[in-house]
N, C-alpha and C. Protein backbone atom coordinates (compact mmCIF):
# COMPACT_ATOMS: atom_id res chain seq x y z
N MET A 1 41.47 80.60 137.85
CA MET A 1 41.85 81.98 138.02
C MET A 1 41.84 82.32 139.51
N SER A 2 42.60 83.28 139.84
CA SER A 2 42.73 83.62 141.25
C SER A 2 41.66 84.57 141.74
N GLY A 3 40.87 85.11 140.85
CA GLY A 3 39.85 86.04 141.26
C GLY A 3 40.33 87.49 141.24
N TRP A 4 41.61 87.67 141.07
CA TRP A 4 42.17 89.03 140.99
C TRP A 4 41.98 89.52 139.57
N PRO A 5 41.34 90.66 139.36
CA PRO A 5 40.94 91.04 138.00
C PRO A 5 42.09 91.53 137.11
N TYR A 6 43.27 91.79 137.66
CA TYR A 6 44.35 92.35 136.84
C TYR A 6 45.41 91.29 136.56
N PRO A 7 45.88 91.23 135.32
CA PRO A 7 46.95 90.28 135.00
C PRO A 7 48.26 90.74 135.64
N HIS A 8 49.10 89.81 135.93
CA HIS A 8 50.35 90.11 136.62
C HIS A 8 51.49 90.46 135.68
N TRP A 9 51.33 90.26 134.38
CA TRP A 9 52.42 90.50 133.44
C TRP A 9 52.92 91.94 133.40
N PRO A 10 52.09 92.96 133.49
CA PRO A 10 52.61 94.33 133.48
C PRO A 10 53.57 94.61 134.64
N TYR A 11 53.30 94.01 135.78
CA TYR A 11 54.17 94.21 136.93
C TYR A 11 55.52 93.50 136.75
N ILE A 12 55.48 92.33 136.14
CA ILE A 12 56.73 91.60 135.88
C ILE A 12 57.56 92.36 134.86
N VAL A 13 56.93 92.84 133.79
CA VAL A 13 57.65 93.61 132.77
C VAL A 13 58.21 94.90 133.37
N ALA A 14 57.44 95.55 134.21
CA ALA A 14 57.91 96.78 134.84
C ALA A 14 59.10 96.51 135.77
N ALA A 15 59.08 95.41 136.47
CA ALA A 15 60.20 95.06 137.35
C ALA A 15 61.47 94.83 136.54
N TYR A 16 61.36 94.11 135.44
CA TYR A 16 62.54 93.88 134.60
C TYR A 16 63.02 95.17 133.96
N ALA A 17 62.09 96.01 133.52
CA ALA A 17 62.47 97.29 132.92
C ALA A 17 63.17 98.17 133.95
N LEU A 18 62.68 98.19 135.16
CA LEU A 18 63.33 98.96 136.22
C LEU A 18 64.72 98.42 136.51
N ALA A 19 64.87 97.11 136.50
CA ALA A 19 66.19 96.51 136.72
C ALA A 19 67.17 96.92 135.61
N VAL A 20 66.70 96.94 134.39
CA VAL A 20 67.55 97.35 133.26
C VAL A 20 67.95 98.81 133.40
N VAL A 21 67.01 99.66 133.77
CA VAL A 21 67.30 101.08 133.94
C VAL A 21 68.30 101.31 135.06
N VAL A 22 68.13 100.62 136.17
CA VAL A 22 69.05 100.77 137.30
C VAL A 22 70.44 100.29 136.92
N LEU A 23 70.53 99.14 136.27
CA LEU A 23 71.84 98.62 135.86
C LEU A 23 72.50 99.54 134.84
N ALA A 24 71.73 100.11 133.94
CA ALA A 24 72.29 101.06 132.97
C ALA A 24 72.82 102.30 133.69
N GLY A 25 72.11 102.76 134.70
CA GLY A 25 72.56 103.90 135.48
C GLY A 25 73.85 103.60 136.22
N PHE A 26 73.94 102.43 136.84
CA PHE A 26 75.17 102.03 137.52
C PHE A 26 76.33 101.93 136.53
N SER A 27 76.07 101.37 135.35
CA SER A 27 77.12 101.24 134.34
C SER A 27 77.60 102.60 133.86
N LEU A 28 76.68 103.51 133.63
CA LEU A 28 77.05 104.86 133.19
C LEU A 28 77.87 105.56 134.28
N ALA A 29 77.46 105.44 135.53
CA ALA A 29 78.19 106.07 136.63
C ALA A 29 79.60 105.49 136.73
N ALA A 30 79.74 104.18 136.58
CA ALA A 30 81.06 103.56 136.64
C ALA A 30 81.93 104.02 135.48
N PHE A 31 81.34 104.13 134.29
CA PHE A 31 82.09 104.59 133.12
C PHE A 31 82.59 106.02 133.32
N LEU A 32 81.73 106.88 133.86
CA LEU A 32 82.12 108.27 134.07
C LEU A 32 83.19 108.38 135.17
N ARG A 33 83.07 107.58 136.22
CA ARG A 33 84.10 107.59 137.27
C ARG A 33 85.43 107.11 136.72
N LEU A 34 85.41 106.11 135.86
CA LEU A 34 86.64 105.59 135.26
C LEU A 34 87.30 106.65 134.38
N ARG A 35 86.50 107.37 133.60
CA ARG A 35 87.07 108.44 132.77
C ARG A 35 87.72 109.53 133.61
N ARG A 36 87.05 109.92 134.69
CA ARG A 36 87.63 110.95 135.56
C ARG A 36 88.90 110.46 136.22
N ALA A 37 88.91 109.20 136.65
CA ALA A 37 90.11 108.64 137.29
C ALA A 37 91.26 108.58 136.30
N ARG A 38 90.99 108.20 135.07
CA ARG A 38 92.06 108.16 134.06
C ARG A 38 92.59 109.55 133.77
N ALA A 39 91.70 110.54 133.74
CA ALA A 39 92.13 111.92 133.49
C ALA A 39 93.01 112.41 134.65
N ARG A 40 92.61 112.10 135.89
CA ARG A 40 93.43 112.51 137.03
C ARG A 40 94.78 111.82 137.01
N LEU A 41 94.79 110.53 136.67
CA LEU A 41 96.06 109.80 136.59
C LEU A 41 96.94 110.36 135.49
N ALA A 42 96.36 110.69 134.36
CA ALA A 42 97.14 111.25 133.26
C ALA A 42 97.75 112.60 133.66
N ALA A 43 97.07 113.34 134.52
CA ALA A 43 97.57 114.65 134.94
C ALA A 43 98.80 114.52 135.84
N ILE A 44 98.92 113.42 136.56
CA ILE A 44 100.06 113.27 137.48
C ILE A 44 101.05 112.21 137.01
N ASP A 45 100.85 111.66 135.83
CA ASP A 45 101.71 110.59 135.31
C ASP A 45 103.09 111.16 134.97
N PRO A 46 104.16 110.63 135.58
CA PRO A 46 105.49 111.15 135.29
C PRO A 46 105.98 110.81 133.88
N ARG A 47 105.36 109.83 133.25
CA ARG A 47 105.78 109.44 131.89
C ARG A 47 105.20 110.37 130.84
N ARG A 48 104.35 111.28 131.23
CA ARG A 48 103.70 112.18 130.28
C ARG A 48 104.75 113.06 129.60
N GLY A 49 104.63 113.18 128.32
CA GLY A 49 105.54 114.03 127.57
C GLY A 49 106.76 113.29 127.06
N ARG A 50 106.88 112.01 127.33
CA ARG A 50 108.02 111.23 126.83
C ARG A 50 107.66 110.39 125.62
N GLY A 51 106.48 110.59 125.08
CA GLY A 51 106.09 109.85 123.89
C GLY A 51 105.44 108.53 124.18
N GLN A 52 105.18 108.22 125.43
CA GLN A 52 104.52 106.97 125.78
C GLN A 52 103.07 107.26 126.13
N ASP A 53 102.18 106.79 125.29
CA ASP A 53 100.76 106.98 125.59
C ASP A 53 100.26 105.90 126.53
N ARG A 54 100.75 104.69 126.33
CA ARG A 54 100.32 103.56 127.16
C ARG A 54 101.54 102.72 127.50
N PRO A 55 101.51 102.11 128.67
CA PRO A 55 102.64 101.22 129.04
C PRO A 55 102.67 99.95 128.24
């Protein structure tokens, strides 16, 4: 034993949990930015109103 009275596993689990939370936050932000970009593109799309939803 190293003489340190606390096990290191809680810190490892916390680091992985923090990484998951950060990645989930980045993914959510990217998803929301993509939705806004698609909405802006749909607003200026010249094909709008011609019956074409997707190319």
